[in-house]
Amino acid sequence: MKLEIWFEFASTYSYLTVSRAEAMLRDAQIELVWRPFLLGPIFRDHGMDTSPFVLDPVKGRYMWRDMERRCEKYGLPFKRPGIFPVNGLKAARIMTAALDEPWCGAFARSVFTAQFARAADISNEHVLSVALEGHGVSPEPWLERAQDPETKEALRATTERAQSIGIFGAPSMLVGDELFWGDDRLEDAITFACSECRQ
């Protein structure tokens, strides 16, 4: 049984899910599949040119306070970034190119931690290089692979698939055809996947 985690590097709540998922699934008979994608095209299809948390200041204020509470609950560091939403395109391309690498999940966590624990600008290649180097990975080849047409097309195709299966926000979890949206549904998605395994 596979649990697909669809996430966007600019997404606050994706930080929570990506930070927790691998540890939660360590002893489960469930395969974790990372699905980095871009929310921008999906938002534009819904007539939005930026995050709903920016378009609606009331919702935005709630989200930042909610992030403080949830990070405290999970024991995750949190510092509100000065740029939101940040451009996560380069990070998403690196992650897309590295999906078969054993360190890709750790890289994703490092990028999210840089952004939401240290308020770093993850559109900066130096920040991404530090994240790669932190896992013993030479950054230059991966920064180059992020620019490959094949990598760009793969990320575009993943984003288009997200649209086609009805994903409208991040994080989203997919178990078979069953869709779960939001970090607060991660446990529900895992429970559903486990119940499918037992059938």
Protein backbone atom coordinates (compact mmCIF):
# COMPACT_ATOMS: atom_id res chain seq x y z
CA MET A 1 0.00 0.00 0.00
CA LYS A 2 1.30 3.42 -0.96
CA LEU A 3 0.73 6.72 0.77
CA GLU A 4 1.45 9.62 -1.56
CA ILE A 5 2.25 12.94 0.08
CA TRP A 6 1.69 15.87 -2.26
CA PHE A 7 3.43 18.96 -0.97
CA GLU A 8 4.49 22.44 -2.03
CA PHE A 9 7.65 24.00 -0.61
CA ALA A 10 5.90 27.37 -0.15
CA SER A 11 3.17 25.76 1.96
CA THR A 12 3.22 26.33 5.71
CA TYR A 13 1.22 23.23 6.55
CA SER A 14 3.37 21.10 4.25
CA TYR A 15 6.22 21.88 6.66
CA LEU A 16 4.33 20.06 9.40
CA THR A 17 3.48 17.01 7.31
CA VAL A 18 6.87 16.57 5.66
CA SER A 19 8.55 16.95 9.06
CA ARG A 20 6.44 14.18 10.61
CA ALA A 21 5.56 11.65 7.93
CA GLU A 22 8.66 9.46 7.63
CA ALA A 23 8.96 8.95 11.39
CA MET A 24 5.25 8.10 11.66
CA LEU A 25 5.50 5.51 8.87
CA ARG A 26 8.79 3.95 9.95
CA ASP A 27 7.16 0.82 11.41
CA ALA A 28 4.14 0.68 9.12
CA GLN A 29 3.83 -1.63 6.11
CA ILE A 30 3.17 1.40 3.93
CA GLU A 31 5.34 2.85 1.19
CA LEU A 32 5.77 6.61 1.43
CA VAL A 33 5.85 8.34 -1.97
CA TRP A 34 6.87 11.99 -2.15
CA ARG A 35 4.99 14.13 -4.70
CA PRO A 36 6.43 17.65 -4.90
CA PHE A 37 4.25 19.91 -7.03
CA LEU A 38 3.42 23.59 -7.58
CA LEU A 39 0.30 25.25 -6.20
CA GLY A 40 0.63 28.38 -8.36
CA PRO A 41 -0.96 26.91 -11.51
CA ILE A 42 -3.77 25.40 -9.44
CA PHE A 43 -4.46 28.70 -7.70
CA ARG A 44 -4.48 30.49 -11.05
CA ASP A 45 -7.05 28.02 -12.36
CA HIS A 46 -9.23 29.13 -9.44
CA GLY A 47 -8.73 32.82 -10.22
CA MET A 48 -6.11 33.50 -7.52
CA ASP A 49 -2.73 35.04 -8.20
CA THR A 50 -1.26 34.21 -4.79
CA SER A 51 -1.95 32.25 -1.61
CA PRO A 52 -5.44 32.42 -0.10
CA PHE A 53 -3.70 33.35 3.15
CA VAL A 54 -2.44 36.51 1.48
CA LEU A 55 -5.68 37.30 -0.32
CA ASP A 56 -7.66 37.03 2.91
CA PRO A 57 -5.76 38.80 5.75
CA VAL A 58 -8.13 37.40 8.39
CA LYS A 59 -7.43 33.86 7.25
CA GLY A 60 -3.73 34.72 7.06
CA ARG A 61 -3.58 35.94 10.68
CA TYR A 62 -5.32 32.77 11.80
CA MET A 63 -2.90 30.57 9.84
CA TRP A 64 0.22 32.12 11.39
CA ARG A 65 -1.14 31.71 14.91
CA ASP A 66 -2.25 28.18 14.09
CA MET A 67 1.25 27.39 12.85
CA GLU A 68 2.69 28.60 16.15
CA ARG A 69 0.33 26.34 18.08
CA ARG A 70 0.85 23.27 15.90
CA CYS A 71 4.62 23.61 15.81
CA GLU A 72 4.61 23.82 19.60
CA LYS A 73 2.41 20.72 19.72
CA TYR A 74 4.74 18.73 17.47
CA GLY A 75 7.97 20.07 18.98
CA LEU A 76 8.99 21.77 15.73
CA PRO A 77 10.85 25.07 15.63
CA PHE A 78 9.01 27.92 13.98
CA LYS A 79 9.95 31.38 12.80
CA ARG A 80 7.67 33.29 10.47
CA PRO A 81 9.50 33.97 7.20
CA GLY A 82 9.74 37.52 5.92
CA ILE A 83 8.69 36.41 2.43
CA PHE A 84 5.42 34.54 1.96
CA PRO A 85 4.74 32.75 -0.20
CA VAL A 86 8.33 32.18 -1.20
CA ASN A 87 9.26 30.89 -4.65
CA GLY A 88 9.85 27.19 -4.11
CA LEU A 89 10.40 26.32 -7.77
CA LYS A 90 14.12 25.50 -7.52
CA ALA A 91 13.60 23.39 -4.42
CA ALA A 92 10.75 21.51 -6.11
CA ARG A 93 12.89 20.83 -9.17
CA ILE A 94 15.77 19.51 -7.08
CA MET A 95 13.37 17.29 -5.14
CA THR A 96 11.83 16.06 -8.39
CA ALA A 97 15.25 15.16 -9.77
CA ALA A 98 16.21 13.41 -6.51
CA LEU A 99 13.09 11.33 -5.86
CA ASP A 100 15.01 8.07 -6.22
CA GLU A 101 17.72 9.17 -3.81
CA PRO A 102 17.64 7.87 -0.21
CA TRP A 103 18.24 11.39 1.11
CA CYS A 104 15.39 13.12 -0.70
CA GLY A 105 13.04 13.12 2.30
CA ALA A 106 15.77 14.51 4.54
CA PHE A 107 16.50 17.19 1.95
CA ALA A 108 12.84 18.23 1.88
CA ARG A 109 12.79 18.48 5.67
CA SER A 110 15.96 20.58 5.63
CA VAL A 111 14.48 23.00 3.10
CA PHE A 112 11.28 23.36 5.11
CA THR A 113 13.28 23.85 8.32
CA ALA A 114 15.40 26.53 6.67
CA GLN A 115 12.25 28.35 5.60
CA PHE A 116 9.95 27.97 8.60
CA ALA A 117 12.42 27.55 11.48
CA ARG A 118 15.11 30.03 10.37
CA ALA A 119 13.11 32.29 8.00
CA ALA A 120 15.60 31.64 5.18
CA ASP A 121 14.74 32.43 1.57
CA ILE A 122 14.64 29.03 -0.11
CA SER A 123 14.61 30.58 -3.57
CA ASN A 124 18.29 31.33 -2.88
CA GLU A 125 20.59 28.66 -4.33
CA HIS A 126 22.98 29.04 -1.38
CA VAL A 127 20.23 27.99 1.03
CA LEU A 128 19.46 24.95 -1.13
CA SER A 129 23.16 24.12 -1.41
CA VAL A 130 23.50 24.15 2.37
CA ALA A 131 20.51 21.81 2.63
CA LEU A 132 22.14 19.38 0.19
CA GLU A 133 25.56 19.60 1.82
CA GLY A 134 23.97 18.86 5.17
CA HIS A 135 23.25 15.36 3.91
CA GLY A 136 26.65 14.79 2.32
CA VAL A 137 25.45 15.67 -1.16
CA SER A 138 27.47 17.81 -3.56
CA PRO A 139 25.07 20.59 -4.61
CA GLU A 140 26.45 21.47 -8.05
CA PRO A 141 25.18 18.38 -9.93
CA TRP A 142 21.72 18.75 -8.42
CA LEU A 143 21.47 22.44 -9.13
CA GLU A 144 22.34 21.57 -12.72
CA ARG A 145 19.80 18.74 -12.85
CA ALA A 146 17.15 21.17 -11.61
CA GLN A 147 17.64 23.04 -14.90
CA ASP A 148 17.37 19.97 -17.13
CA PRO A 149 14.36 20.04 -19.48
CA GLU A 150 13.55 16.51 -18.31
CA THR A 151 13.32 17.66 -14.68
CA LYS A 152 11.22 20.69 -15.59
CA GLU A 153 8.83 18.53 -17.59
CA ALA A 154 8.56 15.98 -14.77
CA LEU A 155 7.55 18.67 -12.26
CA ARG A 156 5.10 20.15 -14.77
CA ALA A 157 3.56 16.71 -15.32
CA THR A 158 3.23 16.11 -11.57
CA THR A 159 1.48 19.45 -11.14
CA GLU A 160 -0.87 18.65 -14.02
CA ARG A 161 -1.64 15.28 -12.43
CA ALA A 162 -2.41 17.02 -9.15
CA GLN A 163 -4.93 19.16 -10.99
CA SER A 164 -6.45 16.16 -12.76
CA ILE A 165 -7.06 14.20 -9.55
CA GLY A 166 -8.64 17.15 -7.79
CA ILE A 167 -5.87 18.36 -5.50
CA PHE A 168 -6.54 21.97 -4.54
CA GLY A 169 -4.15 22.56 -1.65
CA ALA A 170 -1.12 21.28 0.18
CA PRO A 171 -0.35 19.06 1.83
CA SER A 172 -2.62 16.43 0.34
CA MET A 173 -2.37 12.70 0.89
CA LEU A 174 -3.51 10.09 -1.59
CA VAL A 175 -4.16 6.43 -0.75
CA GLY A 176 -5.30 4.70 -3.89
CA ASP A 177 -8.12 6.98 -5.07
CA GLU A 178 -8.83 8.32 -1.58
CA LEU A 179 -7.80 11.95 -1.08
CA PHE A 180 -7.04 13.62 2.25
CA TRP A 181 -6.28 17.34 2.52
CA GLY A 182 -4.38 19.16 5.22
CA ASP A 183 -1.76 18.30 7.82
CA ASP A 184 -4.51 17.52 10.31
CA ARG A 185 -5.58 14.65 8.03
CA LEU A 186 -2.18 12.92 7.94
CA GLU A 187 -3.13 10.56 10.75
CA ASP A 188 -6.44 9.79 9.02
CA ALA A 189 -4.61 8.98 5.79
CA ILE A 190 -2.22 6.65 7.61
CA THR A 191 -5.08 4.92 9.42
CA PHE A 192 -6.94 4.46 6.12
CA ALA A 193 -3.81 3.05 4.44
CA CYS A 194 -3.27 0.62 7.32
CA SER A 195 -6.88 -0.56 7.13
CA GLU A 196 -6.48 -1.13 3.39
CA CYS A 197 -3.37 -3.22 4.09
CA ARG A 198 -5.36 -5.50 6.40
CA GLN A 199 -8.07 -6.21 3.84
